Every structure is written in structure tokens, then in C-alpha cells.
């Protein structure tokens, strides 16, 4: 959608609207995120990529959430440009919510090039991060021939102290084992 078309919504305004609501489950945050994720245009990608570099944590969280599924209805036209942004976020993020969001976004991309970066967090101290890893690994692993490290990490996570981590790891193991030839 372009600026001159009826119903156009400025991507920067949608990003700010979502970031103004810190509750990740609130519709006031989710609605603009979903609108942005559906858009396949360059203007939206550039605005979201810029927001991912913001000093404002809430804005960065929203941007990372959007990047994981940006343009999904149109075949994710900015997938190649999105992957390095998310990997950089994973490398530099200090806030656990940002780490979790980056891992989840990488899971949505489903790109095996993120595998080693995500595997590093399988032993992270925060259970939410380990849960995100357990959820992400089946999505970014090669479905038919996953790296042995993926199965090893999921086996370890299936014995985690956190019940949700264990559940997602067990589910991931079943997914991987079911997809083998």
C-alpha cells in the first residue's frame, strides 16, 4: 500500500503505536504489529529495520516481532535482508525480552543459517530464552536431516527444570524424529 492510496497507514506511526503499549498480549500492541507484518513494501521494511536499531527498547521489541513475519502473505520478500538484522540483534541484545523476541523471530523465518546462533542460548540462565530455543530449533533445523546438535540440545532441554521448556523440547524432538526418512 502506498502513501497516496486510501487506507494507507504510515509504518513509523504503526510502530510507535505498538511500542506505546508495553503489554505484549494487548490488542493495542498486536493490531499494528499484524498490520505491519502483512505489508510487503520497501517503505515498511526500511522503517522496521530502522526501528530495530532504535535506542528505545519497546520500539526494538516491536520491530523484531514484525521482522520475523514481515510480508509473510507475499512470500517474505525481505527475508535475506531480515536475517542479518535478527542475527545481529541476537548477538548484541542484553535484555532477555529482546533475546526471546529475536529467537522467536528467527524461528518464524525458519532459516537454517540461524541454527548456530540460536543453539548458543540452549543453556541460557533464563527459562523464557530456553523455551524460545526449544520452540525455534525444529523450525530452523533441516527437517529431514537435522544436525546432531539440534537433537542433542532438545534432549538436554527435555530434562530442563522448567516444565514449559521440557514440553516444547519434547514436542520438538517428536517433530524432528517424525520428519526423518
C-alpha atoms as a PDB file:
ATOM      1  CA  UNK A   1       0.000   0.000   0.000  1.00  0.00           C
ATOM      2  CA  UNK A   2       1.341   3.442  -0.921  1.00  0.00           C
ATOM      3  CA  UNK A   3       1.034   6.825   0.733  1.00  0.00           C
ATOM      4  CA  UNK A   4      -1.460   8.109  -1.801  1.00  0.00           C
ATOM      5  CA  UNK A   5      -3.787   5.082  -1.573  1.00  0.00           C
ATOM      6  CA  UNK A   6      -6.904   5.168   0.622  1.00  0.00           C
ATOM      7  CA  UNK A   7      -6.361   3.397   3.926  1.00  0.00           C
ATOM      8  CA  UNK A   8      -2.589   3.935   3.907  1.00  0.00           C
ATOM      9  CA  UNK A   9      -1.027   3.809   7.360  1.00  0.00           C
ATOM     10  CA  UNK A  10       2.436   5.196   7.948  1.00  0.00           C
ATOM     11  CA  UNK A  11       4.741   2.363   9.142  1.00  0.00           C
ATOM     12  CA  UNK A  12       6.531   4.648  11.622  1.00  0.00           C
ATOM     13  CA  UNK A  13       3.181   5.583  13.173  1.00  0.00           C
ATOM     14  CA  UNK A  14       2.148   1.915  13.446  1.00  0.00           C
ATOM     15  CA  UNK A  15       5.489   1.048  15.064  1.00  0.00           C
ATOM     16  CA  UNK A  16       5.116   3.890  17.578  1.00  0.00           C
ATOM     17  CA  UNK A  17       1.504   2.890  18.294  1.00  0.00           C
ATOM     18  CA  UNK A  18       2.541  -0.689  19.083  1.00  0.00           C
ATOM     19  CA  UNK A  19       5.558   0.394  21.159  1.00  0.00           C
ATOM     20  CA  UNK A  20       3.370   2.710  23.253  1.00  0.00           C
ATOM     21  CA  UNK A  21       1.649  -0.354  24.718  1.00  0.00           C
ATOM     22  CA  UNK A  22       4.218  -2.421  26.665  1.00  0.00           C
ATOM     23  CA  UNK A  23       1.946  -5.451  27.223  1.00  0.00           C
ATOM     24  CA  UNK A  24       2.902  -7.986  24.515  1.00  0.00           C
ATOM     25  CA  UNK A  25      -0.553  -9.598  24.710  1.00  0.00           C
ATOM     26  CA  UNK A  26      -2.571  -6.377  24.425  1.00  0.00           C
ATOM     27  CA  UNK A  27      -4.521  -5.913  21.188  1.00  0.00           C
ATOM     28  CA  UNK A  28      -3.397  -2.269  21.093  1.00  0.00           C
ATOM     29  CA  UNK A  29       0.110  -3.627  20.531  1.00  0.00           C
ATOM     30  CA  UNK A  30      -0.766  -6.694  18.466  1.00  0.00           C
ATOM     31  CA  UNK A  31      -3.085  -4.986  15.977  1.00  0.00           C
ATOM     32  CA  UNK A  32      -0.460  -2.612  14.489  1.00  0.00           C
ATOM     33  CA  UNK A  33       2.140  -5.401  14.536  1.00  0.00           C
ATOM     34  CA  UNK A  34      -0.151  -7.637  12.475  1.00  0.00           C
ATOM     35  CA  UNK A  35      -0.851  -4.796  10.037  1.00  0.00           C
ATOM     36  CA  UNK A  36       2.877  -4.271   9.554  1.00  0.00           C
ATOM     37  CA  UNK A  37       3.600  -7.977   9.173  1.00  0.00           C
ATOM     38  CA  UNK A  38       1.149  -8.236   6.267  1.00  0.00           C
ATOM     39  CA  UNK A  39       2.852  -5.475   4.303  1.00  0.00           C
ATOM     40  CA  UNK A  40       5.429  -6.442   1.657  1.00  0.00           C
ATOM     41  CA  UNK A  41       6.544  -2.913   0.666  1.00  0.00           C
ATOM     42  CA  UNK A  42      10.051  -1.468   0.874  1.00  0.00           C
ATOM     43  CA  UNK A  43       8.942   1.553   2.893  1.00  0.00           C
ATOM     44  CA  UNK A  44       7.667  -0.707   5.666  1.00  0.00           C
ATOM     45  CA  UNK A  45      10.790  -2.854   5.636  1.00  0.00           C
ATOM     46  CA  UNK A  46      13.043   0.203   5.869  1.00  0.00           C
ATOM     47  CA  UNK A  47      11.014   1.725   8.716  1.00  0.00           C
ATOM     48  CA  UNK A  48      11.030  -1.552  10.656  1.00  0.00           C
ATOM     49  CA  UNK A  49      14.752  -2.134  10.024  1.00  0.00           C
ATOM     50  CA  UNK A  50      15.469   1.363  11.316  1.00  0.00           C
ATOM     51  CA  UNK A  51      13.296   0.765  14.386  1.00  0.00           C
ATOM     52  CA  UNK A  52      15.277  -2.412  15.099  1.00  0.00           C
ATOM     53  CA  UNK A  53      18.320  -0.174  15.674  1.00  0.00           C
ATOM     54  CA  UNK A  54      16.490   2.229  17.990  1.00  0.00           C
ATOM     55  CA  UNK A  55      17.682   3.008  21.493  1.00  0.00           C
ATOM     56  CA  UNK A  56      14.033   2.652  22.595  1.00  0.00           C
ATOM     57  CA  UNK A  57      13.678  -0.929  23.862  1.00  0.00           C
ATOM     58  CA  UNK A  58       9.912  -1.145  23.274  1.00  0.00           C
ATOM     59  CA  UNK A  59      10.327   0.048  19.698  1.00  0.00           C
ATOM     60  CA  UNK A  60      13.089  -2.507  19.099  1.00  0.00           C
ATOM     61  CA  UNK A  61      10.913  -5.274  20.550  1.00  0.00           C
ATOM     62  CA  UNK A  62       8.080  -4.349  18.200  1.00  0.00           C
ATOM     63  CA  UNK A  63      10.444  -4.154  15.219  1.00  0.00           C
ATOM     64  CA  UNK A  64      11.885  -7.597  15.943  1.00  0.00           C
ATOM     65  CA  UNK A  65       8.373  -9.034  16.293  1.00  0.00           C
ATOM     66  CA  UNK A  66       7.439  -7.541  12.925  1.00  0.00           C
ATOM     67  CA  UNK A  67      10.633  -8.633  11.159  1.00  0.00           C
ATOM     68  CA  UNK A  68      10.061 -12.301  11.933  1.00  0.00           C
ATOM     69  CA  UNK A  69       6.921 -12.307   9.798  1.00  0.00           C
ATOM     70  CA  UNK A  70       7.210  -9.214   7.600  1.00  0.00           C
ATOM     71  CA  UNK A  71       5.481  -9.782   4.276  1.00  0.00           C
ATOM     72  CA  UNK A  72       4.514 -13.367   5.155  1.00  0.00           C
ATOM     73  CA  UNK A  73       1.472 -13.279   2.865  1.00  0.00           C
ATOM     74  CA  UNK A  74       3.715 -12.283  -0.050  1.00  0.00           C
ATOM     75  CA  UNK A  75       6.498 -14.821   0.395  1.00  0.00           C
ATOM     76  CA  UNK A  76       8.601 -12.702   2.769  1.00  0.00           C
ATOM     77  CA  UNK A  77      10.278 -10.511   0.137  1.00  0.00           C
ATOM     78  CA  UNK A  78      12.839  -9.105   2.612  1.00  0.00           C
ATOM     79  CA  UNK A  79      13.907 -12.405   4.128  1.00  0.00           C
ATOM     80  CA  UNK A  80      17.539 -12.077   3.018  1.00  0.00           C
ATOM     81  CA  UNK A  81      17.803  -8.574   4.479  1.00  0.00           C
ATOM     82  CA  UNK A  82      15.948  -9.559   7.653  1.00  0.00           C
ATOM     83  CA  UNK A  83      18.138 -12.489   8.662  1.00  0.00           C
ATOM     84  CA  UNK A  84      21.312 -10.441   9.356  1.00  0.00           C
ATOM     85  CA  UNK A  85      19.315  -7.857  11.327  1.00  0.00           C
ATOM     86  CA  UNK A  86      17.868 -10.554  13.585  1.00  0.00           C
ATOM     87  CA  UNK A  87      21.216 -12.327  13.967  1.00  0.00           C
ATOM     88  CA  UNK A  88      22.869  -9.022  14.927  1.00  0.00           C
ATOM     89  CA  UNK A  89      20.108  -8.401  17.458  1.00  0.00           C
ATOM     90  CA  UNK A  90      20.691 -11.828  18.930  1.00  0.00           C
ATOM     91  CA  UNK A  91      24.424 -11.087  19.236  1.00  0.00           C
ATOM     92  CA  UNK A  92      24.050  -7.672  20.860  1.00  0.00           C
ATOM     93  CA  UNK A  93      20.815  -7.843  22.856  1.00  0.00           C
ATOM     94  CA  UNK A  94      21.165  -7.692  26.602  1.00  0.00           C
ATOM     95  CA  UNK A  95      17.519  -7.575  27.585  1.00  0.00           C
ATOM     96  CA  UNK A  96      16.043 -11.102  27.925  1.00  0.00           C
ATOM     97  CA  UNK A  97      12.813  -9.996  26.230  1.00  0.00           C
ATOM     98  CA  UNK A  98      14.786  -8.856  23.210  1.00  0.00           C
ATOM     99  CA  UNK A  99      16.730 -12.119  23.109  1.00  0.00           C
ATOM    100  CA  UNK A 100      13.492 -14.086  23.289  1.00  0.00           C
ATOM    101  CA  UNK A 101      11.900 -11.936  20.574  1.00  0.00           C
ATOM    102  CA  UNK A 102      14.920 -12.371  18.283  1.00  0.00           C
ATOM    103  CA  UNK A 103      14.943 -16.158  18.741  1.00  0.00           C
ATOM    104  CA  UNK A 104      11.201 -16.314  18.101  1.00  0.00           C
ATOM    105  CA  UNK A 105      11.541 -14.121  15.003  1.00  0.00           C
ATOM    106  CA  UNK A 106      14.304 -16.393  13.705  1.00  0.00           C
ATOM    107  CA  UNK A 107      12.011 -19.370  14.271  1.00  0.00           C
ATOM    108  CA  UNK A 108       9.372 -17.651  12.132  1.00  0.00           C
ATOM    109  CA  UNK A 109      11.928 -17.136   9.369  1.00  0.00           C
ATOM    110  CA  UNK A 110      12.775 -20.836   9.511  1.00  0.00           C
ATOM    111  CA  UNK A 111      16.263 -20.283   8.091  1.00  0.00           C
ATOM    112  CA  UNK A 112      18.924 -22.857   8.946  1.00  0.00           C
ATOM    113  CA  UNK A 113      21.649 -20.221   8.816  1.00  0.00           C
ATOM    114  CA  UNK A 114      20.441 -19.095  12.263  1.00  0.00           C
ATOM    115  CA  UNK A 115      20.992 -22.519  13.808  1.00  0.00           C
ATOM    116  CA  UNK A 116      24.378 -21.980  15.492  1.00  0.00           C
ATOM    117  CA  UNK A 117      23.362 -18.576  16.809  1.00  0.00           C
ATOM    118  CA  UNK A 118      20.188 -19.980  18.389  1.00  0.00           C
ATOM    119  CA  UNK A 119      21.914 -23.103  19.751  1.00  0.00           C
ATOM    120  CA  UNK A 120      24.193 -20.875  21.878  1.00  0.00           C
ATOM    121  CA  UNK A 121      21.165 -19.983  24.011  1.00  0.00           C
ATOM    122  CA  UNK A 122      20.058 -23.559  24.762  1.00  0.00           C
ATOM    123  CA  UNK A 123      21.815 -23.320  28.131  1.00  0.00           C
ATOM    124  CA  UNK A 124      20.930 -19.710  28.899  1.00  0.00           C
ATOM    125  CA  UNK A 125      20.033 -18.919  32.522  1.00  0.00           C
ATOM    126  CA  UNK A 126      16.549 -17.560  31.684  1.00  0.00           C
ATOM    127  CA  UNK A 127      13.841 -20.208  31.175  1.00  0.00           C
ATOM    128  CA  UNK A 128      11.930 -17.991  28.730  1.00  0.00           C
ATOM    129  CA  UNK A 129      15.001 -17.914  26.484  1.00  0.00           C
ATOM    130  CA  UNK A 130      15.479 -21.692  26.718  1.00  0.00           C
ATOM    131  CA  UNK A 131      11.768 -22.154  25.906  1.00  0.00           C
ATOM    132  CA  UNK A 132      12.163 -19.920  22.834  1.00  0.00           C
ATOM    133  CA  UNK A 133      15.140 -22.041  21.769  1.00  0.00           C
ATOM    134  CA  UNK A 134      13.186 -25.280  22.224  1.00  0.00           C
ATOM    135  CA  UNK A 135      10.384 -23.824  20.155  1.00  0.00           C
ATOM    136  CA  UNK A 136      12.735 -22.455  17.463  1.00  0.00           C
ATOM    137  CA  UNK A 137      15.042 -25.408  16.862  1.00  0.00           C
ATOM    138  CA  UNK A 138      12.611 -27.577  14.890  1.00  0.00           C
ATOM    139  CA  UNK A 139      11.761 -24.588  12.685  1.00  0.00           C
ATOM    140  CA  UNK A 140      15.332 -23.750  11.792  1.00  0.00           C
ATOM    141  CA  UNK A 141      16.736 -27.271  11.628  1.00  0.00           C
ATOM    142  CA  UNK A 142      16.842 -29.166   8.360  1.00  0.00           C
ATOM    143  CA  UNK A 143      13.605 -31.128   8.641  1.00  0.00           C
ATOM    144  CA  UNK A 144      14.801 -34.346   7.076  1.00  0.00           C
ATOM    145  CA  UNK A 145      18.413 -34.340   8.270  1.00  0.00           C
ATOM    146  CA  UNK A 146      18.762 -32.103  11.327  1.00  0.00           C
ATOM    147  CA  UNK A 147      22.242 -31.511  12.687  1.00  0.00           C
ATOM    148  CA  UNK A 148      23.031 -33.828  15.606  1.00  0.00           C
ATOM    149  CA  UNK A 149      23.478 -30.708  17.757  1.00  0.00           C
ATOM    150  CA  UNK A 150      19.774 -29.946  17.369  1.00  0.00           C
ATOM    151  CA  UNK A 151      18.679 -33.299  18.704  1.00  0.00           C
ATOM    152  CA  UNK A 152      21.302 -33.149  21.485  1.00  0.00           C
ATOM    153  CA  UNK A 153      20.103 -29.686  22.552  1.00  0.00           C
ATOM    154  CA  UNK A 154      16.463 -30.770  22.524  1.00  0.00           C
ATOM    155  CA  UNK A 155      17.277 -33.878  24.569  1.00  0.00           C
ATOM    156  CA  UNK A 156      19.003 -31.672  27.158  1.00  0.00           C
ATOM    157  CA  UNK A 157      16.132 -29.193  27.137  1.00  0.00           C
ATOM    158  CA  UNK A 158      13.624 -32.022  27.608  1.00  0.00           C
ATOM    159  CA  UNK A 159      15.197 -32.515  31.053  1.00  0.00           C
ATOM    160  CA  UNK A 160      15.079 -28.794  31.922  1.00  0.00           C
ATOM    161  CA  UNK A 161      13.923 -27.617  35.335  1.00  0.00           C
ATOM    162  CA  UNK A 162      11.162 -25.555  33.694  1.00  0.00           C
ATOM    163  CA  UNK A 163       8.064 -27.525  32.685  1.00  0.00           C
ATOM    164  CA  UNK A 164       7.274 -25.416  29.602  1.00  0.00           C
ATOM    165  CA  UNK A 165      10.850 -25.801  28.336  1.00  0.00           C
ATOM    166  CA  UNK A 166      10.612 -29.566  28.799  1.00  0.00           C
ATOM    167  CA  UNK A 167       7.267 -29.698  26.990  1.00  0.00           C
ATOM    168  CA  UNK A 168       8.435 -27.682  23.975  1.00  0.00           C
ATOM    169  CA  UNK A 169      11.677 -29.651  23.770  1.00  0.00           C
ATOM    170  CA  UNK A 170       9.796 -32.963  23.827  1.00  0.00           C
ATOM    171  CA  UNK A 171       7.453 -31.658  21.139  1.00  0.00           C
ATOM    172  CA  UNK A 172      10.467 -30.526  19.068  1.00  0.00           C
ATOM    173  CA  UNK A 173      12.120 -33.912  19.397  1.00  0.00           C
ATOM    174  CA  UNK A 174       8.959 -35.628  18.227  1.00  0.00           C
ATOM    175  CA  UNK A 175       8.733 -33.237  15.257  1.00  0.00           C
ATOM    176  CA  UNK A 176      12.311 -33.868  14.208  1.00  0.00           C
ATOM    177  CA  UNK A 177      12.117 -37.628  14.630  1.00  0.00           C
ATOM    178  CA  UNK A 178       8.803 -37.813  12.760  1.00  0.00           C
ATOM    179  CA  UNK A 179      10.203 -35.961   9.747  1.00  0.00           C
ATOM    180  CA  UNK A 180      13.144 -38.306   9.229  1.00  0.00           C
ATOM    181  CA  UNK A 181      13.041 -40.562   6.190  1.00  0.00           C
END
